[in-house]
Amino acid sequence: MPILYLGLGGTIACTLGPDHLARSTLGAEQLLGQAGRPADVVAEDGGMAASSDLTFADLLAVAARIRRAFEDEGYTGCVLSQGTDTIEEVAYTLHLLQAWPHPVVITGAMRHADLPGKDGPANLQDAMAVARAGEAAGLGVLVVMGGEIHGAAAVTKSHSQSPATFVSPDWGPLGLVAEGRVLIARRPSASPILPATEIRARVNLIRVALDCDPALVEAALGADGLVLEGTGGGHLPARLTPLLARAAERGTVVAVTSRTGSGPSLRHTYGAAGAEADLQRLGILMADGPGLKVRIRLTLALSLSPRPDLGSVLAAWL
C-alpha cells in the first residue's frame, strides 16, 4: 500500500548557494530520488519554510492533509521531512491532535545535501521503512533520525550540530532501524488526544533563572495561559508567587514544570514559599515534562470546548 511523503523544507532540502550559505532548494521528488525512489512512495511538496517559522495553523493544515491521505486516499503511512529545529514540537503537536490509524513518521537531516556525510537520504530511507512497518502503527507520531525511532512525547533535540542530537532522555528510543528492518523494543503509554480544529488560545513559556525579573513574568501574563519552567522539581522564587496567584484568580491558567527537561515535577515534597505545595495552594498547576511540550498540551487543551480536565492533561507526560 502507498506511503505519502511530504517534504517541508529544512536542512535535508538545503544546498549551498553562490554565497556559500545553505538554503532549502530540493523538492520532495528530488529528495525521494536521493533515497532510492521506492515505488510505493508518493512525494508531495508541503512548502519550504524554515521550521522555526512554522505555526500551529500550519500544523493543523498538515494534520488535515494526513487525515485526508489516510481516510480518503488509501495511504497506509505518512513520512514528513522538515527542519530539525522544531521537530520535537511538530511531532508532539501532530501526536496529540489525533490517534493516527497508520504510522506518521518525521525525519530530517543535520548535514545539508552539499556536505560530506550528508545524513538526509539514510534518514529518509529509515523513516519510510518505519512508515511501512505494521508494528509502528499505534505508537503515535514517531521521529526517526540516525537509525533510532523516538516517540513524539519523549524526543528532544539535545545538541546544536551533532547528527546524534535526537534523544529520549528518560527511557531512550522506542526502537531501531537496522538493515532496513524495524525493531520496536517498547511501546509508550497512551497520550491524551486534544483534537483542536483551530487554535483559540495563546500560551506563553518562560524559563525561570536565578534572580528572575518579575517584570518578564508580568509581561507574559496577558495570554490565556503561562507555563513556567521552574528550578529543580518545579520551584519558583517566592517573590513571583503573589503575581501568579493574582493572575490565576483572574482566569489565566498558570502551570509550572521543571526546567531540567527530564522527570516529573514534584507534587508534595517541599513546603517552602514557591515550592510545589505552596504553588498548588495558590491555584497554580503542576505539570510534567519539558516546557516546550507542556505549552503545546496547554495550548491545545485551552482551544477545546468543552475544556478537558487540565490537571490530567498537564500530568500526561509520556
C-alpha atoms as a PDB file:
ATOM      1  CA  MET A   1       0.000   0.000   0.000  1.00  0.00           C
ATOM      2  CA  PRO A   2       1.281   3.524  -0.746  1.00  0.00           C
ATOM      3  CA  ILE A   3       3.153   5.834   1.598  1.00  0.00           C
ATOM      4  CA  LEU A   4       2.718   9.611   1.356  1.00  0.00           C
ATOM      5  CA  TYR A   5       5.913  11.622   1.671  1.00  0.00           C
ATOM      6  CA  LEU A   6       5.511  15.330   2.477  1.00  0.00           C
ATOM      7  CA  GLY A   7       8.612  17.487   2.051  1.00  0.00           C
ATOM      8  CA  LEU A   8       8.534  20.608   4.228  1.00  0.00           C
ATOM      9  CA  GLY A   9      11.995  22.015   3.564  1.00  0.00           C
ATOM     10  CA  GLY A  10      14.686  22.255   6.218  1.00  0.00           C
ATOM     11  CA  THR A  11      18.327  21.180   6.243  1.00  0.00           C
ATOM     12  CA  ILE A  12      17.510  17.938   4.459  1.00  0.00           C
ATOM     13  CA  ALA A  13      16.394  20.075   1.488  1.00  0.00           C
ATOM     14  CA  CYS A  14      19.256  22.591   1.638  1.00  0.00           C
ATOM     15  CA  THR A  15      22.057  23.147  -0.852  1.00  0.00           C
ATOM     16  CA  LEU A  16      24.786  25.781  -0.971  1.00  0.00           C
ATOM     17  CA  GLY A  17      24.204  28.956  -2.953  1.00  0.00           C
ATOM     18  CA  PRO A  18      26.780  31.250  -4.579  1.00  0.00           C
ATOM     19  CA  ASP A  19      27.299  32.925  -1.201  1.00  0.00           C
ATOM     20  CA  HIS A  20      28.204  29.522   0.343  1.00  0.00           C
ATOM     21  CA  LEU A  21      25.163  29.641   2.619  1.00  0.00           C
ATOM     22  CA  ALA A  22      22.640  26.796   2.738  1.00  0.00           C
ATOM     23  CA  ARG A  23      19.026  27.328   1.761  1.00  0.00           C
ATOM     24  CA  SER A  24      16.117  24.979   1.031  1.00  0.00           C
ATOM     25  CA  THR A  25      16.118  24.215  -2.693  1.00  0.00           C
ATOM     26  CA  LEU A  26      15.342  20.488  -3.027  1.00  0.00           C
ATOM     27  CA  GLY A  27      11.742  19.450  -3.557  1.00  0.00           C
ATOM     28  CA  ALA A  28      10.159  16.242  -2.311  1.00  0.00           C
ATOM     29  CA  GLU A  29      10.694  14.431  -5.632  1.00  0.00           C
ATOM     30  CA  GLN A  30      14.410  15.272  -5.621  1.00  0.00           C
ATOM     31  CA  LEU A  31      14.799  14.109  -2.033  1.00  0.00           C
ATOM     32  CA  LEU A  32      12.923  10.915  -2.784  1.00  0.00           C
ATOM     33  CA  GLY A  33      15.303  10.317  -5.688  1.00  0.00           C
ATOM     34  CA  GLN A  34      18.286  10.627  -3.346  1.00  0.00           C
ATOM     35  CA  ALA A  35      16.674   7.994  -1.115  1.00  0.00           C
ATOM     36  CA  GLY A  36      16.295   5.480  -3.962  1.00  0.00           C
ATOM     37  CA  ARG A  37      12.832   6.489  -5.198  1.00  0.00           C
ATOM     38  CA  PRO A  38      10.883   3.500  -3.813  1.00  0.00           C
ATOM     39  CA  ALA A  39       7.883   2.554  -5.942  1.00  0.00           C
ATOM     40  CA  ASP A  40       5.402   2.583  -3.055  1.00  0.00           C
ATOM     41  CA  VAL A  41       6.057   6.207  -2.025  1.00  0.00           C
ATOM     42  CA  VAL A  42       4.319   9.275  -3.469  1.00  0.00           C
ATOM     43  CA  ALA A  43       6.171  12.569  -2.975  1.00  0.00           C
ATOM     44  CA  GLU A  44       4.404  15.867  -2.385  1.00  0.00           C
ATOM     45  CA  ASP A  45       5.783  19.296  -1.564  1.00  0.00           C
ATOM     46  CA  GLY A  46       4.382  20.942   1.526  1.00  0.00           C
ATOM     47  CA  GLY A  47       6.401  24.156   1.487  1.00  0.00           C
ATOM     48  CA  MET A  48       9.957  25.316   2.069  1.00  0.00           C
ATOM     49  CA  ALA A  49       9.550  27.321   5.275  1.00  0.00           C
ATOM     50  CA  ALA A  50      12.266  27.234   7.884  1.00  0.00           C
ATOM     51  CA  SER A  51      10.956  25.054  10.703  1.00  0.00           C
ATOM     52  CA  SER A  52      11.352  27.935  13.148  1.00  0.00           C
ATOM     53  CA  ASP A  53       8.712  29.813  11.089  1.00  0.00           C
ATOM     54  CA  LEU A  54       6.049  27.098  11.388  1.00  0.00           C
ATOM     55  CA  THR A  55       2.863  27.956  13.281  1.00  0.00           C
ATOM     56  CA  PHE A  56       0.076  25.969  14.916  1.00  0.00           C
ATOM     57  CA  ALA A  57      -2.086  26.910  11.927  1.00  0.00           C
ATOM     58  CA  ASP A  58       0.476  25.293   9.628  1.00  0.00           C
ATOM     59  CA  LEU A  59       0.400  22.115  11.715  1.00  0.00           C
ATOM     60  CA  LEU A  60      -3.382  21.952  11.637  1.00  0.00           C
ATOM     61  CA  ALA A  61      -3.121  22.087   7.836  1.00  0.00           C
ATOM     62  CA  VAL A  62      -0.530  19.292   7.841  1.00  0.00           C
ATOM     63  CA  ALA A  63      -2.759  17.210  10.109  1.00  0.00           C
ATOM     64  CA  ALA A  64      -5.695  17.750   7.752  1.00  0.00           C
ATOM     65  CA  ARG A  65      -3.538  16.607   4.813  1.00  0.00           C
ATOM     66  CA  ILE A  66      -2.501  13.436   6.631  1.00  0.00           C
ATOM     67  CA  ARG A  67      -6.075  12.754   7.684  1.00  0.00           C
ATOM     68  CA  ARG A  68      -7.232  13.083   4.084  1.00  0.00           C
ATOM     69  CA  ALA A  69      -4.442  10.766   2.916  1.00  0.00           C
ATOM     70  CA  PHE A  70      -5.492   8.050   5.358  1.00  0.00           C
ATOM     71  CA  GLU A  71      -9.270   8.420   5.222  1.00  0.00           C
ATOM     72  CA  ASP A  72      -9.889   9.259   1.564  1.00  0.00           C
ATOM     73  CA  GLU A  73      -6.841   8.315  -0.494  1.00  0.00           C
ATOM     74  CA  GLY A  74      -5.826   4.869   0.743  1.00  0.00           C
ATOM     75  CA  TYR A  75      -2.382   5.692   2.121  1.00  0.00           C
ATOM     76  CA  THR A  76      -1.183   3.417   4.919  1.00  0.00           C
ATOM     77  CA  GLY A  77       1.678   5.547   6.211  1.00  0.00           C
ATOM     78  CA  CYS A  78       2.997   9.074   6.057  1.00  0.00           C
ATOM     79  CA  VAL A  79       6.541  10.474   6.211  1.00  0.00           C
ATOM     80  CA  LEU A  80       7.315  14.145   6.727  1.00  0.00           C
ATOM     81  CA  SER A  81      10.732  15.738   6.379  1.00  0.00           C
ATOM     82  CA  GLN A  82      11.413  19.173   7.850  1.00  0.00           C
ATOM     83  CA  GLY A  83      13.995  21.314   9.567  1.00  0.00           C
ATOM     84  CA  THR A  84      15.250  19.782  12.793  1.00  0.00           C
ATOM     85  CA  ASP A  85      14.892  22.960  14.881  1.00  0.00           C
ATOM     86  CA  THR A  86      11.264  22.262  15.764  1.00  0.00           C
ATOM     87  CA  ILE A  87      10.864  18.551  15.002  1.00  0.00           C
ATOM     88  CA  GLU A  88      10.031  17.714  18.608  1.00  0.00           C
ATOM     89  CA  GLU A  89       7.298  20.361  18.730  1.00  0.00           C
ATOM     90  CA  VAL A  90       5.826  19.486  15.324  1.00  0.00           C
ATOM     91  CA  ALA A  91       5.850  15.778  16.135  1.00  0.00           C
ATOM     92  CA  TYR A  92       4.235  16.299  19.532  1.00  0.00           C
ATOM     93  CA  THR A  93       1.505  18.602  18.207  1.00  0.00           C
ATOM     94  CA  LEU A  94       0.562  16.116  15.480  1.00  0.00           C
ATOM     95  CA  HIS A  95       0.791  13.313  18.043  1.00  0.00           C
ATOM     96  CA  LEU A  96      -1.816  14.980  20.284  1.00  0.00           C
ATOM     97  CA  LEU A  97      -4.238  16.063  17.569  1.00  0.00           C
ATOM     98  CA  GLN A  98      -5.384  12.572  16.597  1.00  0.00           C
ATOM     99  CA  ALA A  99      -4.885   8.889  17.340  1.00  0.00           C
ATOM    100  CA  TRP A 100      -3.492   8.121  13.890  1.00  0.00           C
ATOM    101  CA  PRO A 101      -4.540   4.733  12.449  1.00  0.00           C
ATOM    102  CA  HIS A 102      -1.291   4.349  10.491  1.00  0.00           C
ATOM    103  CA  PRO A 103       2.330   5.335  11.152  1.00  0.00           C
ATOM    104  CA  VAL A 104       3.208   9.022  10.930  1.00  0.00           C
ATOM    105  CA  VAL A 105       6.973   9.464  10.835  1.00  0.00           C
ATOM    106  CA  ILE A 106       9.018  12.676  10.856  1.00  0.00           C
ATOM    107  CA  THR A 107      12.641  12.938   9.835  1.00  0.00           C
ATOM    108  CA  GLY A 108      15.199  15.468   8.679  1.00  0.00           C
ATOM    109  CA  ALA A 109      18.946  15.974   8.499  1.00  0.00           C
ATOM    110  CA  MET A 110      21.695  17.651  10.462  1.00  0.00           C
ATOM    111  CA  ARG A 111      24.022  17.900   7.439  1.00  0.00           C
ATOM    112  CA  HIS A 112      22.748  19.580   4.300  1.00  0.00           C
ATOM    113  CA  ALA A 113      22.921  17.960   0.886  1.00  0.00           C
ATOM    114  CA  ASP A 114      26.247  19.560  -0.124  1.00  0.00           C
ATOM    115  CA  LEU A 115      28.164  18.437   2.972  1.00  0.00           C
ATOM    116  CA  PRO A 116      30.300  15.270   3.130  1.00  0.00           C
ATOM    117  CA  GLY A 117      28.467  12.609   5.097  1.00  0.00           C
ATOM    118  CA  LYS A 118      25.018  14.078   4.479  1.00  0.00           C
ATOM    119  CA  ASP A 119      22.502  12.153   6.574  1.00  0.00           C
ATOM    120  CA  GLY A 120      19.264  13.066   4.825  1.00  0.00           C
ATOM    121  CA  PRO A 121      18.957  10.133   2.384  1.00  0.00           C
ATOM    122  CA  ALA A 122      19.657   7.499   5.053  1.00  0.00           C
ATOM    123  CA  ASN A 123      17.237   9.124   7.484  1.00  0.00           C
ATOM    124  CA  LEU A 124      14.562   9.286   4.811  1.00  0.00           C
ATOM    125  CA  GLN A 125      15.068   5.622   3.907  1.00  0.00           C
ATOM    126  CA  ASP A 126      14.753   4.646   7.575  1.00  0.00           C
ATOM    127  CA  ALA A 127      11.648   6.785   8.025  1.00  0.00           C
ATOM    128  CA  MET A 128       9.976   5.120   5.043  1.00  0.00           C
ATOM    129  CA  ALA A 129      10.814   1.687   6.462  1.00  0.00           C
ATOM    130  CA  VAL A 130       9.115   2.632   9.727  1.00  0.00           C
ATOM    131  CA  ALA A 131       6.086   4.033   7.885  1.00  0.00           C
ATOM    132  CA  ARG A 132       5.686   0.643   6.161  1.00  0.00           C
ATOM    133  CA  ALA A 133       6.042  -1.376   9.357  1.00  0.00           C
ATOM    134  CA  GLY A 134       2.829  -2.741  10.816  1.00  0.00           C
ATOM    135  CA  GLU A 135       4.355  -2.790  14.300  1.00  0.00           C
ATOM    136  CA  ALA A 136       4.791   1.008  14.116  1.00  0.00           C
ATOM    137  CA  ALA A 137       1.018   1.512  13.977  1.00  0.00           C
ATOM    138  CA  GLY A 138      -0.483   2.644  17.262  1.00  0.00           C
ATOM    139  CA  LEU A 139       2.719   4.280  18.502  1.00  0.00           C
ATOM    140  CA  GLY A 140       1.577   7.766  17.627  1.00  0.00           C
ATOM    141  CA  VAL A 141       3.855  10.143  15.751  1.00  0.00           C
ATOM    142  CA  LEU A 142       7.467   8.994  15.559  1.00  0.00           C
ATOM    143  CA  VAL A 143      10.761  10.767  14.927  1.00  0.00           C
ATOM    144  CA  VAL A 144      13.339   8.696  13.052  1.00  0.00           C
ATOM    145  CA  MET A 145      16.903  10.004  12.941  1.00  0.00           C
ATOM    146  CA  GLY A 146      20.274   8.284  12.936  1.00  0.00           C
ATOM    147  CA  GLY A 147      18.754   4.808  12.856  1.00  0.00           C
ATOM    148  CA  GLU A 148      16.743   5.390  16.047  1.00  0.00           C
ATOM    149  CA  ILE A 149      12.962   5.518  16.469  1.00  0.00           C
ATOM    150  CA  HIS A 150      11.757   8.017  19.065  1.00  0.00           C
ATOM    151  CA  GLY A 151       8.273   8.681  20.392  1.00  0.00           C
ATOM    152  CA  ALA A 152       6.979  12.235  19.978  1.00  0.00           C
ATOM    153  CA  ALA A 153       6.262  12.642  23.686  1.00  0.00           C
ATOM    154  CA  ALA A 154       9.833  11.909  24.761  1.00  0.00           C
ATOM    155  CA  VAL A 155      12.128  13.048  21.966  1.00  0.00           C
ATOM    156  CA  THR A 156      14.193  16.210  22.196  1.00  0.00           C
ATOM    157  CA  LYS A 157      16.997  17.881  20.269  1.00  0.00           C
ATOM    158  CA  SER A 158      19.978  17.817  22.603  1.00  0.00           C
ATOM    159  CA  HIS A 159      22.859  19.285  20.569  1.00  0.00           C
ATOM    160  CA  SER A 160      23.025  22.162  18.123  1.00  0.00           C
ATOM    161  CA  GLN A 161      25.035  20.331  15.436  1.00  0.00           C
ATOM    162  CA  SER A 162      25.674  16.657  16.210  1.00  0.00           C
ATOM    163  CA  PRO A 163      23.992  14.105  13.905  1.00  0.00           C
ATOM    164  CA  ALA A 164      23.201  12.187  17.108  1.00  0.00           C
ATOM    165  CA  THR A 165      21.297  15.146  18.530  1.00  0.00           C
ATOM    166  CA  PHE A 166      17.890  13.466  18.974  1.00  0.00           C
ATOM    167  CA  VAL A 167      17.456  11.611  22.251  1.00  0.00           C
ATOM    168  CA  SER A 168      14.689  10.465  24.581  1.00  0.00           C
ATOM    169  CA  PRO A 169      16.222  11.358  27.945  1.00  0.00           C
ATOM    170  CA  ASP A 170      14.280   9.209  30.372  1.00  0.00           C
ATOM    171  CA  TRP A 171      13.950   5.784  28.753  1.00  0.00           C
ATOM    172  CA  GLY A 172      15.666   6.019  25.407  1.00  0.00           C
ATOM    173  CA  PRO A 173      14.344   5.327  21.915  1.00  0.00           C
ATOM    174  CA  LEU A 174      11.402   3.074  21.189  1.00  0.00           C
ATOM    175  CA  GLY A 175      13.394   1.052  18.692  1.00  0.00           C
ATOM    176  CA  LEU A 176      15.893   0.918  15.870  1.00  0.00           C
ATOM    177  CA  VAL A 177      16.126   0.563  12.115  1.00  0.00           C
ATOM    178  CA  ALA A 178      18.840  -1.951  11.189  1.00  0.00           C
ATOM    179  CA  GLU A 179      19.483  -3.018   7.574  1.00  0.00           C
ATOM    180  CA  GLY A 180      16.030  -1.780   6.718  1.00  0.00           C
ATOM    181  CA  ARG A 181      14.410  -3.868   9.471  1.00  0.00           C
ATOM    182  CA  VAL A 182      12.255  -2.087  12.016  1.00  0.00           C
ATOM    183  CA  LEU A 183      12.860  -3.272  15.579  1.00  0.00           C
ATOM    184  CA  ILE A 184      10.451  -1.988  18.237  1.00  0.00           C
ATOM    185  CA  ALA A 185      11.716  -2.554  21.794  1.00  0.00           C
ATOM    186  CA  ARG A 186       8.972  -0.864  23.816  1.00  0.00           C
ATOM    187  CA  ARG A 187       5.649   0.850  23.372  1.00  0.00           C
ATOM    188  CA  PRO A 188       4.890   4.207  25.030  1.00  0.00           C
ATOM    189  CA  SER A 189       1.932   4.988  27.238  1.00  0.00           C
ATOM    190  CA  ALA A 190      -1.142   6.349  25.509  1.00  0.00           C
ATOM    191  CA  SER A 191      -1.201  10.142  25.247  1.00  0.00           C
ATOM    192  CA  PRO A 192      -4.322  12.280  25.620  1.00  0.00           C
ATOM    193  CA  ILE A 193      -5.921  13.270  22.336  1.00  0.00           C
ATOM    194  CA  LEU A 194      -6.634  17.003  22.091  1.00  0.00           C
ATOM    195  CA  PRO A 195      -8.393  17.347  18.712  1.00  0.00           C
ATOM    196  CA  ALA A 196      -8.373  21.121  18.296  1.00  0.00           C
ATOM    197  CA  THR A 197      -9.608  22.251  14.893  1.00  0.00           C
ATOM    198  CA  GLU A 198      -8.403  25.793  15.421  1.00  0.00           C
ATOM    199  CA  ILE A 199      -6.082  27.408  17.935  1.00  0.00           C
ATOM    200  CA  ARG A 200      -8.108  29.745  20.128  1.00  0.00           C
ATOM    201  CA  ALA A 201      -5.638  30.091  22.998  1.00  0.00           C
ATOM    202  CA  ARG A 202      -2.268  31.736  23.382  1.00  0.00           C
ATOM    203  CA  VAL A 203       0.145  30.291  25.918  1.00  0.00           C
ATOM    204  CA  ASN A 204       3.498  31.818  26.821  1.00  0.00           C
ATOM    205  CA  LEU A 205       6.568  29.984  28.079  1.00  0.00           C
ATOM    206  CA  ILE A 206       9.206  31.345  30.467  1.00  0.00           C
ATOM    207  CA  ARG A 207      12.336  29.641  31.741  1.00  0.00           C
ATOM    208  CA  VAL A 208      12.979  30.699  35.322  1.00  0.00           C
ATOM    209  CA  ALA A 209      16.579  31.650  36.112  1.00  0.00           C
ATOM    210  CA  LEU A 210      18.473  32.846  39.137  1.00  0.00           C
ATOM    211  CA  ASP A 211      17.210  36.293  40.169  1.00  0.00           C
ATOM    212  CA  CYS A 212      14.442  36.200  37.538  1.00  0.00           C
ATOM    213  CA  ASP A 213      12.926  39.633  36.827  1.00  0.00           C
ATOM    214  CA  PRO A 214       9.219  39.718  37.846  1.00  0.00           C
ATOM    215  CA  ALA A 215       8.585  42.226  35.032  1.00  0.00           C
ATOM    216  CA  LEU A 216       9.276  39.477  32.487  1.00  0.00           C
ATOM    217  CA  VAL A 217       6.666  37.252  34.089  1.00  0.00           C
ATOM    218  CA  GLU A 218       4.156  40.101  34.354  1.00  0.00           C
ATOM    219  CA  ALA A 219       4.560  40.876  30.650  1.00  0.00           C
ATOM    220  CA  ALA A 220       3.763  37.258  29.774  1.00  0.00           C
ATOM    221  CA  LEU A 221       0.525  37.186  31.754  1.00  0.00           C
ATOM    222  CA  GLY A 222      -1.568  38.786  29.014  1.00  0.00           C
ATOM    223  CA  ALA A 223      -2.010  35.373  27.409  1.00  0.00           C
ATOM    224  CA  ASP A 224      -4.635  32.717  28.151  1.00  0.00           C
ATOM    225  CA  GLY A 225      -2.029  30.563  29.795  1.00  0.00           C
ATOM    226  CA  LEU A 226       1.521  30.704  31.098  1.00  0.00           C
ATOM    227  CA  VAL A 227       3.961  27.826  31.507  1.00  0.00           C
ATOM    228  CA  LEU A 228       6.985  28.424  33.698  1.00  0.00           C
ATOM    229  CA  GLU A 229       9.974  26.103  33.673  1.00  0.00           C
ATOM    230  CA  GLY A 230      10.852  26.228  37.352  1.00  0.00           C
ATOM    231  CA  THR A 231      14.050  25.161  39.044  1.00  0.00           C
ATOM    232  CA  GLY A 232      14.599  21.627  40.315  1.00  0.00           C
ATOM    233  CA  GLY A 233      11.359  19.736  40.769  1.00  0.00           C
ATOM    234  CA  GLY A 234       9.304  22.764  39.694  1.00  0.00           C
ATOM    235  CA  HIS A 235      10.077  25.607  42.114  1.00  0.00           C
ATOM    236  CA  LEU A 236       9.745  29.368  41.715  1.00  0.00           C
ATOM    237  CA  PRO A 237      11.215  32.359  43.531  1.00  0.00           C
ATOM    238  CA  ALA A 238       8.798  33.296  46.295  1.00  0.00           C
ATOM    239  CA  ARG A 239       8.646  36.894  45.041  1.00  0.00           C
ATOM    240  CA  LEU A 240       6.837  35.685  41.892  1.00  0.00           C
ATOM    241  CA  THR A 241       4.030  33.844  43.626  1.00  0.00           C
ATOM    242  CA  PRO A 242       1.758  36.804  44.551  1.00  0.00           C
ATOM    243  CA  LEU A 243       1.790  37.954  40.928  1.00  0.00           C
ATOM    244  CA  LEU A 244       0.995  34.466  39.644  1.00  0.00           C
ATOM    245  CA  ALA A 245      -1.698  33.890  42.243  1.00  0.00           C
ATOM    246  CA  ARG A 246      -3.488  37.078  41.174  1.00  0.00           C
ATOM    247  CA  ALA A 247      -3.255  36.006  37.532  1.00  0.00           C
ATOM    248  CA  ALA A 248      -4.719  32.589  38.365  1.00  0.00           C
ATOM    249  CA  GLU A 249      -7.593  34.266  40.219  1.00  0.00           C
ATOM    250  CA  ARG A 250      -8.320  36.358  37.095  1.00  0.00           C
ATOM    251  CA  GLY A 251      -8.568  33.210  34.973  1.00  0.00           C
ATOM    252  CA  THR A 252      -5.102  32.883  33.454  1.00  0.00           C
ATOM    253  CA  VAL A 253      -4.033  29.247  33.594  1.00  0.00           C
ATOM    254  CA  VAL A 254      -0.608  29.133  35.219  1.00  0.00           C
ATOM    255  CA  ALA A 255       1.365  25.885  35.116  1.00  0.00           C
ATOM    256  CA  VAL A 256       4.825  25.066  36.417  1.00  0.00           C
ATOM    257  CA  THR A 257       7.118  22.287  35.247  1.00  0.00           C
ATOM    258  CA  SER A 258      10.806  21.532  35.746  1.00  0.00           C
ATOM    259  CA  ARG A 259      13.430  23.267  33.637  1.00  0.00           C
ATOM    260  CA  THR A 260      15.585  20.105  33.796  1.00  0.00           C
ATOM    261  CA  GLY A 261      13.587  18.634  30.893  1.00  0.00           C
ATOM    262  CA  SER A 262      13.605  15.161  32.409  1.00  0.00           C
ATOM    263  CA  GLY A 263      11.447  13.570  35.076  1.00  0.00           C
ATOM    264  CA  PRO A 264       8.081  14.627  36.507  1.00  0.00           C
ATOM    265  CA  SER A 265       7.536  17.696  38.657  1.00  0.00           C
ATOM    266  CA  LEU A 266       7.101  17.330  42.398  1.00  0.00           C
ATOM    267  CA  ARG A 267       3.638  17.467  43.962  1.00  0.00           C
ATOM    268  CA  HIS A 268       4.033  17.107  47.732  1.00  0.00           C
ATOM    269  CA  THR A 269       7.638  17.104  48.951  1.00  0.00           C
ATOM    270  CA  TYR A 270       8.667  20.680  49.839  1.00  0.00           C
ATOM    271  CA  GLY A 271       6.765  23.242  51.840  1.00  0.00           C
ATOM    272  CA  ALA A 272       8.772  26.431  51.299  1.00  0.00           C
ATOM    273  CA  ALA A 273       7.241  29.517  49.671  1.00  0.00           C
ATOM    274  CA  GLY A 274       7.445  28.998  45.913  1.00  0.00           C
ATOM    275  CA  ALA A 275       7.717  25.221  46.217  1.00  0.00           C
ATOM    276  CA  GLU A 276       5.121  22.849  44.832  1.00  0.00           C
ATOM    277  CA  ALA A 277       2.785  22.692  47.852  1.00  0.00           C
ATOM    278  CA  ASP A 278       2.652  26.483  48.045  1.00  0.00           C
ATOM    279  CA  LEU A 279       2.074  26.865  44.300  1.00  0.00           C
ATOM    280  CA  GLN A 280      -0.829  24.425  44.271  1.00  0.00           C
ATOM    281  CA  ARG A 281      -2.400  26.149  47.295  1.00  0.00           C
ATOM    282  CA  LEU A 282      -2.393  29.373  45.256  1.00  0.00           C
ATOM    283  CA  GLY A 283      -4.215  27.790  42.302  1.00  0.00           C
ATOM    284  CA  ILE A 284      -1.106  27.186  40.189  1.00  0.00           C
ATOM    285  CA  LEU A 285      -0.993  23.828  38.397  1.00  0.00           C
ATOM    286  CA  MET A 286       1.965  21.446  38.417  1.00  0.00           C
ATOM    287  CA  ALA A 287       2.844  19.955  35.031  1.00  0.00           C
ATOM    288  CA  ASP A 288       5.168  17.202  33.847  1.00  0.00           C
ATOM    289  CA  GLY A 289       7.661  17.162  31.014  1.00  0.00           C
ATOM    290  CA  PRO A 290       9.682  19.806  29.147  1.00  0.00           C
ATOM    291  CA  GLY A 291       8.148  23.263  28.960  1.00  0.00           C
ATOM    292  CA  LEU A 292       8.029  23.162  25.159  1.00  0.00           C
ATOM    293  CA  LYS A 293       5.658  20.217  25.296  1.00  0.00           C
ATOM    294  CA  VAL A 294       3.663  21.369  28.309  1.00  0.00           C
ATOM    295  CA  ARG A 295       2.963  24.568  26.370  1.00  0.00           C
ATOM    296  CA  ILE A 296       1.664  22.536  23.420  1.00  0.00           C
ATOM    297  CA  ARG A 297      -0.611  20.442  25.642  1.00  0.00           C
ATOM    298  CA  LEU A 298      -1.988  23.514  27.361  1.00  0.00           C
ATOM    299  CA  THR A 299      -2.483  25.426  24.090  1.00  0.00           C
ATOM    300  CA  LEU A 300      -4.481  22.587  22.546  1.00  0.00           C
ATOM    301  CA  ALA A 301      -6.464  21.946  25.731  1.00  0.00           C
ATOM    302  CA  LEU A 302      -7.430  25.613  26.102  1.00  0.00           C
ATOM    303  CA  SER A 303      -8.519  25.653  22.445  1.00  0.00           C
ATOM    304  CA  LEU A 304     -11.106  22.931  23.041  1.00  0.00           C
ATOM    305  CA  SER A 305     -14.707  23.382  24.102  1.00  0.00           C
ATOM    306  CA  PRO A 306     -15.637  21.942  26.494  1.00  0.00           C
ATOM    307  CA  ARG A 307     -12.262  22.285  28.182  1.00  0.00           C
ATOM    308  CA  PRO A 308     -10.749  18.960  29.317  1.00  0.00           C
ATOM    309  CA  ASP A 309      -9.511  18.424  32.857  1.00  0.00           C
ATOM    310  CA  LEU A 310      -6.306  20.448  32.873  1.00  0.00           C
ATOM    311  CA  GLY A 311      -4.733  18.619  35.767  1.00  0.00           C
ATOM    312  CA  SER A 312      -4.905  15.345  33.855  1.00  0.00           C
ATOM    313  CA  VAL A 313      -3.696  16.945  30.626  1.00  0.00           C
ATOM    314  CA  LEU A 314      -0.705  18.598  32.292  1.00  0.00           C
ATOM    315  CA  ALA A 315       0.266  15.362  34.034  1.00  0.00           C
ATOM    316  CA  ALA A 316       0.141  13.325  30.804  1.00  0.00           C
ATOM    317  CA  TRP A 317       3.879  13.320  30.480  1.00  0.00           C
ATOM    318  CA  LEU A 318       4.897  10.209  28.496  1.00  0.00           C
END
